[in-house]
Amino acid sequence: MKNNEIVELSSKELMAKLKDEKARLAKMTFNHTVAPIENPSQIKATKVTIARLLTEMRKRQLEVINK
């Protein structure tokens, strides 16, 4: 998920997407522990997406505080 796609999401969609991505990461990590997954770089990509979502949430929080 790209940054411009994340910025276009509403706050509720952002929270839902974050929850989904965290669940996806947990599932992938568990599956990779049990048996190696085909493309382990997916784990890293999911972590980056989670970081982007958290960054956007924090940015919005700071905008509200600074107003």
PDB file of N, CA and C in Angstrom:
ATOM      1  N   MET A   1       0.842  -1.167   0.000  1.00  0.00           N
ATOM      2  CA  MET A   1       0.000   0.000   0.000  1.00  0.00           C
ATOM      3  C   MET A   1       0.893   1.237   0.000  1.00  0.00           C
ATOM      4  N   LYS A   2       0.633   2.131  -0.898  1.00  0.00           N
ATOM      5  CA  LYS A   2       1.453   3.330  -1.065  1.00  0.00           C
ATOM      6  C   LYS A   2       0.970   4.451  -0.146  1.00  0.00           C
ATOM      7  N   ASN A   3       1.839   5.425   0.075  1.00  0.00           N
ATOM      8  CA  ASN A   3       1.510   6.535   0.965  1.00  0.00           C
ATOM      9  C   ASN A   3       0.303   7.326   0.483  1.00  0.00           C
ATOM     10  N   ASN A   4       0.207   7.566  -0.826  1.00  0.00           N
ATOM     11  CA  ASN A   4      -0.928   8.346  -1.320  1.00  0.00           C
ATOM     12  C   ASN A   4      -2.249   7.613  -1.112  1.00  0.00           C
ATOM     13  N   GLU A   5      -2.237   6.290  -1.120  1.00  0.00           N
ATOM     14  CA  GLU A   5      -3.438   5.514  -0.838  1.00  0.00           C
ATOM     15  C   GLU A   5      -3.800   5.617   0.641  1.00  0.00           C
ATOM     16  N   ILE A   6      -2.794   5.641   1.481  1.00  0.00           N
ATOM     17  CA  ILE A   6      -3.018   5.722   2.926  1.00  0.00           C
ATOM     18  C   ILE A   6      -3.591   7.083   3.305  1.00  0.00           C
ATOM     19  N   VAL A   7      -3.092   8.143   2.704  1.00  0.00           N
ATOM     20  CA  VAL A   7      -3.552   9.495   3.016  1.00  0.00           C
ATOM     21  C   VAL A   7      -5.023   9.656   2.653  1.00  0.00           C
ATOM     22  N   GLU A   8      -5.482   8.974   1.616  1.00  0.00           N
ATOM     23  CA  GLU A   8      -6.859   9.100   1.157  1.00  0.00           C
ATOM     24  C   GLU A   8      -7.863   8.365   2.045  1.00  0.00           C
ATOM     25  N   LEU A   9      -7.392   7.485   2.929  1.00  0.00           N
ATOM     26  CA  LEU A   9      -8.286   6.732   3.798  1.00  0.00           C
ATOM     27  C   LEU A   9      -8.849   7.614   4.908  1.00  0.00           C
ATOM     28  N   SER A  10     -10.086   7.312   5.314  1.00  0.00           N
ATOM     29  CA  SER A  10     -10.646   8.014   6.468  1.00  0.00           C
ATOM     30  C   SER A  10     -10.028   7.425   7.727  1.00  0.00           C
ATOM     31  N   SER A  11     -10.271   8.056   8.843  1.00  0.00           N
ATOM     32  CA  SER A  11      -9.679   7.582  10.098  1.00  0.00           C
ATOM     33  C   SER A  11     -10.178   6.187  10.462  1.00  0.00           C
ATOM     34  N   LYS A  12     -11.458   5.919  10.250  1.00  0.00           N
ATOM     35  CA  LYS A  12     -12.007   4.591  10.554  1.00  0.00           C
ATOM     36  C   LYS A  12     -11.409   3.537   9.636  1.00  0.00           C
ATOM     37  N   GLU A  13     -11.271   3.873   8.358  1.00  0.00           N
ATOM     38  CA  GLU A  13     -10.662   2.937   7.405  1.00  0.00           C
ATOM     39  C   GLU A  13      -9.200   2.689   7.766  1.00  0.00           C
ATOM     40  N   LEU A  14      -8.538   3.723   8.233  1.00  0.00           N
ATOM     41  CA  LEU A  14      -7.139   3.619   8.638  1.00  0.00           C
ATOM     42  C   LEU A  14      -6.987   2.657   9.818  1.00  0.00           C
ATOM     43  N   MET A  15      -7.864   2.791  10.799  1.00  0.00           N
ATOM     44  CA  MET A  15      -7.831   1.898  11.962  1.00  0.00           C
ATOM     45  C   MET A  15      -8.130   0.455  11.551  1.00  0.00           C
ATOM     46  N   ALA A  16      -9.113   0.262  10.671  1.00  0.00           N
ATOM     47  CA  ALA A  16      -9.476  -1.081  10.222  1.00  0.00           C
ATOM     48  C   ALA A  16      -8.335  -1.710   9.435  1.00  0.00           C
ATOM     49  N   LYS A  17      -7.706  -0.935   8.565  1.00  0.00           N
ATOM     50  CA  LYS A  17      -6.589  -1.433   7.768  1.00  0.00           C
ATOM     51  C   LYS A  17      -5.415  -1.809   8.664  1.00  0.00           C
ATOM     52  N   LEU A  18      -5.157  -1.002   9.685  1.00  0.00           N
ATOM     53  CA  LEU A  18      -4.079  -1.293  10.626  1.00  0.00           C
ATOM     54  C   LEU A  18      -4.344  -2.608  11.355  1.00  0.00           C
ATOM     55  N   LYS A  19      -5.569  -2.795  11.793  1.00  0.00           N
ATOM     56  CA  LYS A  19      -5.935  -4.035  12.484  1.00  0.00           C
ATOM     57  C   LYS A  19      -5.745  -5.237  11.560  1.00  0.00           C
ATOM     58  N   ASP A  20      -6.175  -5.108  10.316  1.00  0.00           N
ATOM     59  CA  ASP A  20      -6.028  -6.199   9.339  1.00  0.00           C
ATOM     60  C   ASP A  20      -4.560  -6.520   9.062  1.00  0.00           C
ATOM     61  N   GLU A  21      -3.759  -5.483   8.902  1.00  0.00           N
ATOM     62  CA  GLU A  21      -2.338  -5.685   8.600  1.00  0.00           C
ATOM     63  C   GLU A  21      -1.601  -6.325   9.782  1.00  0.00           C
ATOM     64  N   LYS A  22      -1.958  -5.932  11.003  1.00  0.00           N
ATOM     65  CA  LYS A  22      -1.325  -6.543  12.175  1.00  0.00           C
ATOM     66  C   LYS A  22      -1.694  -8.017  12.278  1.00  0.00           C
ATOM     67  N   ALA A  23      -2.951  -8.345  11.979  1.00  0.00           N
ATOM     68  CA  ALA A  23      -3.378  -9.744  11.997  1.00  0.00           C
ATOM     69  C   ALA A  23      -2.659 -10.532  10.900  1.00  0.00           C
ATOM     70  N   ARG A  24      -2.526  -9.917   9.743  1.00  0.00           N
ATOM     71  CA  ARG A  24      -1.823 -10.560   8.621  1.00  0.00           C
ATOM     72  C   ARG A  24      -0.361 -10.829   8.980  1.00  0.00           C
ATOM     73  N   LEU A  25       0.280  -9.863   9.629  1.00  0.00           N
ATOM     74  CA  LEU A  25       1.674 -10.022  10.037  1.00  0.00           C
ATOM     75  C   LEU A  25       1.818 -11.159  11.046  1.00  0.00           C
ATOM     76  N   ALA A  26       0.926 -11.208  12.012  1.00  0.00           N
ATOM     77  CA  ALA A  26       0.985 -12.269  13.022  1.00  0.00           C
ATOM     78  C   ALA A  26       0.817 -13.640  12.371  1.00  0.00           C
ATOM     79  N   LYS A  27      -0.112 -13.727  11.447  1.00  0.00           N
ATOM     80  CA  LYS A  27      -0.355 -15.000  10.749  1.00  0.00           C
ATOM     81  C   LYS A  27       0.858 -15.405   9.915  1.00  0.00           C
ATOM     82  N   MET A  28       1.419 -14.449   9.178  1.00  0.00           N
ATOM     83  CA  MET A  28       2.586 -14.757   8.344  1.00  0.00           C
ATOM     84  C   MET A  28       3.786 -15.155   9.193  1.00  0.00           C
ATOM     85  N   THR A  29       3.992 -14.454  10.299  1.00  0.00           N
ATOM     86  CA  THR A  29       5.116 -14.763  11.176  1.00  0.00           C
ATOM     87  C   THR A  29       4.980 -16.162  11.758  1.00  0.00           C
ATOM     88  N   PHE A  30       3.772 -16.496  12.192  1.00  0.00           N
ATOM     89  CA  PHE A  30       3.537 -17.839  12.733  1.00  0.00           C
ATOM     90  C   PHE A  30       3.760 -18.903  11.662  1.00  0.00           C
ATOM     91  N   ASN A  31       3.202 -18.674  10.479  1.00  0.00           N
ATOM     92  CA  ASN A  31       3.368 -19.638   9.384  1.00  0.00           C
ATOM     93  C   ASN A  31       4.837 -19.795   9.001  1.00  0.00           C
ATOM     94  N   HIS A  32       5.581 -18.712   9.041  1.00  0.00           N
ATOM     95  CA  HIS A  32       6.993 -18.762   8.685  1.00  0.00           C
ATOM     96  C   HIS A  32       7.793 -19.510   9.748  1.00  0.00           C
ATOM     97  N   THR A  33       7.358 -19.426  10.989  1.00  0.00           N
ATOM     98  CA  THR A  33       8.030 -20.141  12.070  1.00  0.00           C
ATOM     99  C   THR A  33       7.817 -21.644  11.925  1.00  0.00           C
ATOM    100  N   VAL A  34       6.607 -22.029  11.585  1.00  0.00           N
ATOM    101  CA  VAL A  34       6.271 -23.448  11.449  1.00  0.00           C
ATOM    102  C   VAL A  34       6.930 -24.045  10.208  1.00  0.00           C
ATOM    103  N   ALA A  35       6.726 -23.391   9.080  1.00  0.00           N
ATOM    104  CA  ALA A  35       7.315 -23.854   7.818  1.00  0.00           C
ATOM    105  C   ALA A  35       7.665 -22.616   6.999  1.00  0.00           C
ATOM    106  N   PRO A  36       8.846 -22.565   6.428  1.00  0.00           N
ATOM    107  CA  PRO A  36       9.261 -21.373   5.680  1.00  0.00           C
ATOM    108  C   PRO A  36       8.281 -21.012   4.562  1.00  0.00           C
ATOM    109  N   ILE A  37       7.909 -19.727   4.521  1.00  0.00           N
ATOM    110  CA  ILE A  37       7.026 -19.284   3.452  1.00  0.00           C
ATOM    111  C   ILE A  37       7.845 -19.024   2.200  1.00  0.00           C
ATOM    112  N   GLU A  38       7.142 -18.989   1.054  1.00  0.00           N
ATOM    113  CA  GLU A  38       7.826 -18.827  -0.236  1.00  0.00           C
ATOM    114  C   GLU A  38       8.609 -17.528  -0.323  1.00  0.00           C
ATOM    115  N   ASN A  39       7.972 -16.443   0.088  1.00  0.00           N
ATOM    116  CA  ASN A  39       8.588 -15.133  -0.072  1.00  0.00           C
ATOM    117  C   ASN A  39       8.657 -14.417   1.282  1.00  0.00           C
ATOM    118  N   PRO A  40       9.719 -14.617   2.041  1.00  0.00           N
ATOM    119  CA  PRO A  40       9.808 -13.995   3.365  1.00  0.00           C
ATOM    120  C   PRO A  40       9.866 -12.470   3.326  1.00  0.00           C
ATOM    121  N   SER A  41      10.131 -11.888   2.184  1.00  0.00           N
ATOM    122  CA  SER A  41      10.162 -10.425   2.108  1.00  0.00           C
ATOM    123  C   SER A  41       8.764  -9.834   2.271  1.00  0.00           C
ATOM    124  N   GLN A  42       7.731 -10.667   2.183  1.00  0.00           N
ATOM    125  CA  GLN A  42       6.361 -10.193   2.428  1.00  0.00           C
ATOM    126  C   GLN A  42       6.212  -9.737   3.874  1.00  0.00           C
ATOM    127  N   ILE A  43       6.933 -10.387   4.780  1.00  0.00           N
ATOM    128  CA  ILE A  43       6.883  -9.999   6.187  1.00  0.00           C
ATOM    129  C   ILE A  43       7.413  -8.581   6.343  1.00  0.00           C
ATOM    130  N   LYS A  44       8.528  -8.299   5.701  1.00  0.00           N
ATOM    131  CA  LYS A  44       9.114  -6.962   5.772  1.00  0.00           C
ATOM    132  C   LYS A  44       8.182  -5.926   5.152  1.00  0.00           C
ATOM    133  N   ALA A  45       7.569  -6.256   4.026  1.00  0.00           N
ATOM    134  CA  ALA A  45       6.652  -5.328   3.362  1.00  0.00           C
ATOM    135  C   ALA A  45       5.442  -5.028   4.243  1.00  0.00           C
ATOM    136  N   THR A  46       4.959  -6.029   4.948  1.00  0.00           N
ATOM    137  CA  THR A  46       3.820  -5.833   5.839  1.00  0.00           C
ATOM    138  C   THR A  46       4.210  -4.937   7.012  1.00  0.00           C
ATOM    139  N   LYS A  47       5.424  -5.114   7.535  1.00  0.00           N
ATOM    140  CA  LYS A  47       5.907  -4.261   8.620  1.00  0.00           C
ATOM    141  C   LYS A  47       6.009  -2.809   8.159  1.00  0.00           C
ATOM    142  N   VAL A  48       6.462  -2.607   6.932  1.00  0.00           N
ATOM    143  CA  VAL A  48       6.584  -1.254   6.381  1.00  0.00           C
ATOM    144  C   VAL A  48       5.192  -0.628   6.238  1.00  0.00           C
ATOM    145  N   THR A  49       4.228  -1.407   5.782  1.00  0.00           N
ATOM    146  CA  THR A  49       2.860  -0.905   5.637  1.00  0.00           C
ATOM    147  C   THR A  49       2.287  -0.511   6.994  1.00  0.00           C
ATOM    148  N   ILE A  50       2.524  -1.332   8.001  1.00  0.00           N
ATOM    149  CA  ILE A  50       2.056  -1.012   9.348  1.00  0.00           C
ATOM    150  C   ILE A  50       2.692   0.286   9.836  1.00  0.00           C
ATOM    151  N   ALA A  51       3.964   0.454   9.593  1.00  0.00           N
ATOM    152  CA  ALA A  51       4.657   1.682   9.995  1.00  0.00           C
ATOM    153  C   ALA A  51       4.075   2.899   9.278  1.00  0.00           C
ATOM    154  N   ARG A  52       3.756   2.754   8.013  1.00  0.00           N
ATOM    155  CA  ARG A  52       3.153   3.864   7.257  1.00  0.00           C
ATOM    156  C   ARG A  52       1.790   4.231   7.832  1.00  0.00           C
ATOM    157  N   LEU A  53       0.994   3.207   8.165  1.00  0.00           N
ATOM    158  CA  LEU A  53      -0.327   3.453   8.739  1.00  0.00           C
ATOM    159  C   LEU A  53      -0.203   4.152  10.091  1.00  0.00           C
ATOM    160  N   LEU A  54       0.717   3.692  10.924  1.00  0.00           N
ATOM    161  CA  LEU A  54       0.920   4.315  12.233  1.00  0.00           C
ATOM    162  C   LEU A  54       1.417   5.752  12.100  1.00  0.00           C
ATOM    163  N   THR A  55       2.274   5.994  11.128  1.00  0.00           N
ATOM    164  CA  THR A  55       2.790   7.339  10.897  1.00  0.00           C
ATOM    165  C   THR A  55       1.665   8.282  10.494  1.00  0.00           C
ATOM    166  N   GLU A  56       0.787   7.833   9.617  1.00  0.00           N
ATOM    167  CA  GLU A  56      -0.339   8.660   9.183  1.00  0.00           C
ATOM    168  C   GLU A  56      -1.292   8.931  10.348  1.00  0.00           C
ATOM    169  N   MET A  57      -1.522   7.916  11.186  1.00  0.00           N
ATOM    170  CA  MET A  57      -2.390   8.119  12.352  1.00  0.00           C
ATOM    171  C   MET A  57      -1.786   9.162  13.292  1.00  0.00           C
ATOM    172  N   ARG A  58      -0.494   9.066  13.532  1.00  0.00           N
ATOM    173  CA  ARG A  58       0.184  10.016  14.413  1.00  0.00           C
ATOM    174  C   ARG A  58       0.155  11.424  13.826  1.00  0.00           C
ATOM    175  N   LYS A  59       0.329  11.520  12.521  1.00  0.00           N
ATOM    176  CA  LYS A  59       0.297  12.814  11.847  1.00  0.00           C
ATOM    177  C   LYS A  59      -1.069  13.478  12.045  1.00  0.00           C
ATOM    178  N   ARG A  60      -2.118  12.694  11.911  1.00  0.00           N
ATOM    179  CA  ARG A  60      -3.471  13.227  12.097  1.00  0.00           C
ATOM    180  C   ARG A  60      -3.710  13.635  13.549  1.00  0.00           C
ATOM    181  N   GLN A  61      -3.179  12.864  14.500  1.00  0.00           N
ATOM    182  CA  GLN A  61      -3.321  13.220  15.906  1.00  0.00           C
ATOM    183  C   GLN A  61      -2.633  14.551  16.202  1.00  0.00           C
ATOM    184  N   LEU A  62      -1.458  14.727  15.656  1.00  0.00           N
ATOM    185  CA  LEU A  62      -0.716  15.964  15.889  1.00  0.00           C
ATOM    186  C   LEU A  62      -1.411  17.165  15.241  1.00  0.00           C
ATOM    187  N   GLU A  63      -2.054  16.960  14.115  1.00  0.00           N
ATOM    188  CA  GLU A  63      -2.780  18.049  13.462  1.00  0.00           C
ATOM    189  C   GLU A  63      -3.932  18.519  14.345  1.00  0.00           C
ATOM    190  N   VAL A  64      -4.617  17.565  14.981  1.00  0.00           N
ATOM    191  CA  VAL A  64      -5.727  17.908  15.867  1.00  0.00           C
ATOM    192  C   VAL A  64      -5.210  18.641  17.099  1.00  0.00           C
ATOM    193  N   ILE A  65      -4.106  18.196  17.654  1.00  0.00           N
ATOM    194  CA  ILE A  65      -3.536  18.806  18.853  1.00  0.00           C
ATOM    195  C   ILE A  65      -3.048  20.222  18.564  1.00  0.00           C
ATOM    196  N   ASN A  66      -2.445  20.427  17.412  1.00  0.00           N
ATOM    197  CA  ASN A  66      -1.847  21.723  17.083  1.00  0.00           C
ATOM    198  C   ASN A  66      -2.849  22.760  16.604  1.00  0.00           C
ATOM    199  N   LYS A  67      -4.090  22.381  16.428  1.00  0.00           N
ATOM    200  CA  LYS A  67      -5.085  23.358  15.958  1.00  0.00           C
ATOM    201  C   LYS A  67      -5.583  24.210  17.080  1.00  0.00           C
TER     202      LYS A  67
END
